[in-house]
N, C-alpha and C. Protein backbone atom coordinates (compact mmCIF):
# COMPACT_ATOMS: atom_id res chain seq x y z
N MET A 1 111.08 52.03 98.90
CA MET A 1 110.79 53.37 99.37
C MET A 1 112.09 54.15 99.46
N ASP A 2 112.22 55.28 98.78
CA ASP A 2 113.45 56.06 98.74
C ASP A 2 113.72 56.81 100.03
N ASP A 3 112.70 57.10 100.82
CA ASP A 3 112.87 57.89 102.02
C ASP A 3 113.30 57.06 103.23
N LEU A 4 113.37 55.76 103.08
CA LEU A 4 113.72 54.90 104.19
C LEU A 4 115.16 55.13 104.59
N PHE A 5 115.37 55.36 105.85
CA PHE A 5 116.71 55.51 106.42
C PHE A 5 116.88 54.38 107.41
N GLU A 6 117.74 53.44 107.10
CA GLU A 6 117.90 52.27 107.94
C GLU A 6 119.37 52.02 108.19
N ILE A 7 119.69 51.73 109.43
CA ILE A 7 121.05 51.35 109.78
C ILE A 7 120.97 49.97 110.38
N ASP A 8 121.70 49.04 109.83
CA ASP A 8 121.79 47.69 110.36
C ASP A 8 123.27 47.34 110.32
N GLN A 9 123.94 47.57 111.42
CA GLN A 9 125.39 47.46 111.44
C GLN A 9 125.82 46.57 112.60
N THR A 10 126.75 45.68 112.34
CA THR A 10 127.29 44.82 113.39
C THR A 10 128.79 45.06 113.48
N GLN A 11 129.27 45.27 114.68
CA GLN A 11 130.69 45.47 114.91
C GLN A 11 131.11 44.63 116.11
N ARG A 12 132.34 44.21 116.12
CA ARG A 12 132.89 43.54 117.29
C ARG A 12 133.61 44.60 118.11
N LEU A 13 133.17 44.77 119.35
CA LEU A 13 133.74 45.77 120.26
C LEU A 13 134.08 45.11 121.59
N ARG A 14 134.96 45.76 122.31
CA ARG A 14 135.17 45.34 123.69
C ARG A 14 133.91 45.68 124.49
N ARG A 15 133.65 44.91 125.52
CA ARG A 15 132.46 45.11 126.34
C ARG A 15 132.35 46.57 126.82
N GLU A 16 133.46 47.16 127.22
CA GLU A 16 133.47 48.54 127.71
C GLU A 16 133.10 49.53 126.61
N GLU A 17 133.55 49.25 125.38
CA GLU A 17 133.20 50.11 124.25
C GLU A 17 131.71 50.03 123.93
N ALA A 18 131.16 48.82 123.99
CA ALA A 18 129.73 48.66 123.75
C ALA A 18 128.93 49.40 124.82
N ALA A 19 129.37 49.30 126.07
CA ALA A 19 128.69 50.01 127.16
C ALA A 19 128.76 51.52 126.95
N ALA A 20 129.89 52.02 126.48
CA ALA A 20 130.03 53.46 126.24
C ALA A 20 129.07 53.92 125.14
N ARG A 21 128.89 53.12 124.10
CA ARG A 21 127.96 53.48 123.03
C ARG A 21 126.52 53.48 123.53
N LEU A 22 126.18 52.48 124.32
CA LEU A 22 124.83 52.44 124.89
C LEU A 22 124.60 53.63 125.82
N ARG A 23 125.61 53.98 126.61
CA ARG A 23 125.52 55.11 127.52
C ARG A 23 125.33 56.42 126.74
N ALA A 24 126.06 56.58 125.65
CA ALA A 24 125.92 57.79 124.83
C ALA A 24 124.52 57.89 124.23
N LEU A 25 123.98 56.77 123.79
CA LEU A 25 122.62 56.74 123.27
C LEU A 25 121.62 57.12 124.36
N ALA A 26 121.77 56.53 125.53
CA ALA A 26 120.88 56.84 126.65
C ALA A 26 121.00 58.30 127.06
N ASP A 27 122.21 58.83 127.11
CA ASP A 27 122.41 60.24 127.47
C ASP A 27 121.74 61.16 126.47
N SER A 28 121.85 60.84 125.18
CA SER A 28 121.21 61.65 124.15
C SER A 28 119.69 61.64 124.31
N LEU A 29 119.13 60.47 124.58
CA LEU A 29 117.68 60.37 124.80
C LEU A 29 117.25 61.22 125.99
N GLU A 30 118.03 61.15 127.06
CA GLU A 30 117.66 61.87 128.28
C GLU A 30 117.83 63.39 128.14
N ARG A 31 118.92 63.82 127.54
CA ARG A 31 119.23 65.25 127.47
C ARG A 31 118.55 65.97 126.32
N HIS A 32 118.44 65.30 125.17
CA HIS A 32 117.97 65.98 123.96
C HIS A 32 116.64 65.47 123.44
N ASN A 33 116.11 64.41 124.04
CA ASN A 33 114.86 63.79 123.57
C ASN A 33 114.96 63.35 122.12
N SER A 34 116.18 63.04 121.68
CA SER A 34 116.40 62.61 120.31
C SER A 34 117.72 61.87 120.22
N VAL A 35 117.92 61.19 119.10
CA VAL A 35 119.21 60.57 118.79
C VAL A 35 119.55 60.91 117.35
N THR A 36 120.83 61.02 117.07
CA THR A 36 121.29 61.38 115.73
C THR A 36 122.15 60.26 115.17
N PHE A 37 121.90 59.93 113.90
CA PHE A 37 122.65 58.88 113.21
C PHE A 37 123.18 59.44 111.90
N GLU A 38 124.32 58.89 111.45
CA GLU A 38 124.89 59.28 110.17
C GLU A 38 125.18 58.03 109.35
N ARG A 39 124.93 58.15 108.04
CA ARG A 39 125.24 57.06 107.11
C ARG A 39 125.46 57.65 105.74
N GLU A 40 126.56 57.32 105.13
CA GLU A 40 126.88 57.74 103.76
C GLU A 40 126.68 59.24 103.56
N GLY A 41 127.18 60.02 104.50
CA GLY A 41 127.08 61.47 104.38
C GLY A 41 125.74 62.06 104.74
N ARG A 42 124.76 61.23 105.03
CA ARG A 42 123.43 61.70 105.44
C ARG A 42 123.33 61.67 106.95
N ARG A 43 122.73 62.67 107.50
CA ARG A 43 122.56 62.76 108.94
C ARG A 43 121.07 62.86 109.23
N ILE A 44 120.61 62.10 110.21
CA ILE A 44 119.21 62.14 110.57
C ILE A 44 119.09 62.19 112.09
N THR A 45 118.19 63.04 112.56
CA THR A 45 117.89 63.13 113.98
C THR A 45 116.49 62.58 114.18
N VAL A 46 116.38 61.64 115.10
CA VAL A 46 115.11 60.99 115.40
C VAL A 46 114.61 61.53 116.72
N ASP A 47 113.48 62.24 116.69
CA ASP A 47 112.85 62.73 117.91
C ASP A 47 112.13 61.58 118.58
N VAL A 48 112.31 61.46 119.87
CA VAL A 48 111.71 60.36 120.63
C VAL A 48 110.70 60.96 121.60
N PRO A 49 109.46 60.46 121.58
CA PRO A 49 108.42 61.03 122.45
C PRO A 49 108.69 60.73 123.92
N ASP A 50 107.90 61.36 124.77
CA ASP A 50 108.05 61.20 126.22
C ASP A 50 107.79 59.77 126.68
N GLU A 51 106.94 59.03 125.98
CA GLU A 51 106.66 57.65 126.35
C GLU A 51 106.97 56.73 125.19
N VAL A 52 107.67 55.65 125.50
CA VAL A 52 108.05 54.65 124.50
C VAL A 52 107.74 53.27 125.06
N GLU A 53 107.73 52.28 124.18
CA GLU A 53 107.60 50.88 124.59
C GLU A 53 109.01 50.29 124.58
N LEU A 54 109.45 49.79 125.71
CA LEU A 54 110.79 49.21 125.85
C LEU A 54 110.65 47.70 125.93
N THR A 55 111.37 47.00 125.05
CA THR A 55 111.40 45.54 125.06
C THR A 55 112.84 45.09 125.25
N VAL A 56 113.04 44.19 126.19
CA VAL A 56 114.36 43.61 126.42
C VAL A 56 114.22 42.10 126.25
N GLU A 57 115.02 41.54 125.35
CA GLU A 57 115.00 40.09 125.11
C GLU A 57 116.38 39.52 125.40
N VAL A 58 116.39 38.37 126.05
CA VAL A 58 117.63 37.65 126.31
C VAL A 58 117.47 36.24 125.76
N GLU A 59 118.43 35.82 124.95
CA GLU A 59 118.44 34.46 124.42
C GLU A 59 119.74 33.80 124.83
N ILE A 60 119.62 32.65 125.49
CA ILE A 60 120.78 31.90 125.93
C ILE A 60 120.78 30.57 125.18
N GLY A 61 121.87 30.26 124.55
CA GLY A 61 121.96 29.02 123.78
C GLY A 61 123.35 28.87 123.22
N GLU A 62 123.43 28.38 121.98
CA GLU A 62 124.73 28.23 121.34
C GLU A 62 125.42 29.59 121.22
N GLU A 63 124.64 30.62 120.86
CA GLU A 63 125.10 32.01 120.89
C GLU A 63 124.15 32.76 121.81
N ASN A 64 124.69 33.63 122.63
CA ASN A 64 123.88 34.41 123.55
C ASN A 64 123.57 35.77 122.92
N GLU A 65 122.40 36.30 123.28
CA GLU A 65 121.98 37.57 122.69
C GLU A 65 121.19 38.38 123.70
N LEU A 66 121.46 39.66 123.74
CA LEU A 66 120.70 40.63 124.51
C LEU A 66 120.22 41.68 123.53
N GLU A 67 118.92 41.83 123.40
CA GLU A 67 118.35 42.77 122.43
C GLU A 67 117.51 43.79 123.18
N VAL A 68 117.76 45.07 122.89
CA VAL A 68 117.01 46.16 123.50
C VAL A 68 116.33 46.92 122.37
N GLU A 69 115.02 47.13 122.49
CA GLU A 69 114.27 47.77 121.42
C GLU A 69 113.35 48.83 122.00
N LEU A 70 113.32 49.99 121.37
CA LEU A 70 112.38 51.07 121.71
C LEU A 70 111.42 51.24 120.55
N ARG A 71 110.13 51.34 120.85
CA ARG A 71 109.11 51.59 119.81
C ARG A 71 108.19 52.70 120.28
N TRP A 72 107.68 53.40 119.29
CA TRP A 72 106.66 54.41 119.58
C TRP A 72 105.81 54.61 118.35
């Protein structure tokens, strides 16, 4: 599908930097009801409805993982 816009990016950041990115995402959701992403010169704004499904997963093992997902 040519219209698919997908970002799947992994970066190693300091914990404080990761928190700042999550905070910026949360602030954008709260203030603008949307989030904006850029990739390869393309910019897309995703409007987020008033109600979403929030899933939080924690996996503890050889590698630990915290996953936060919003769906609508």
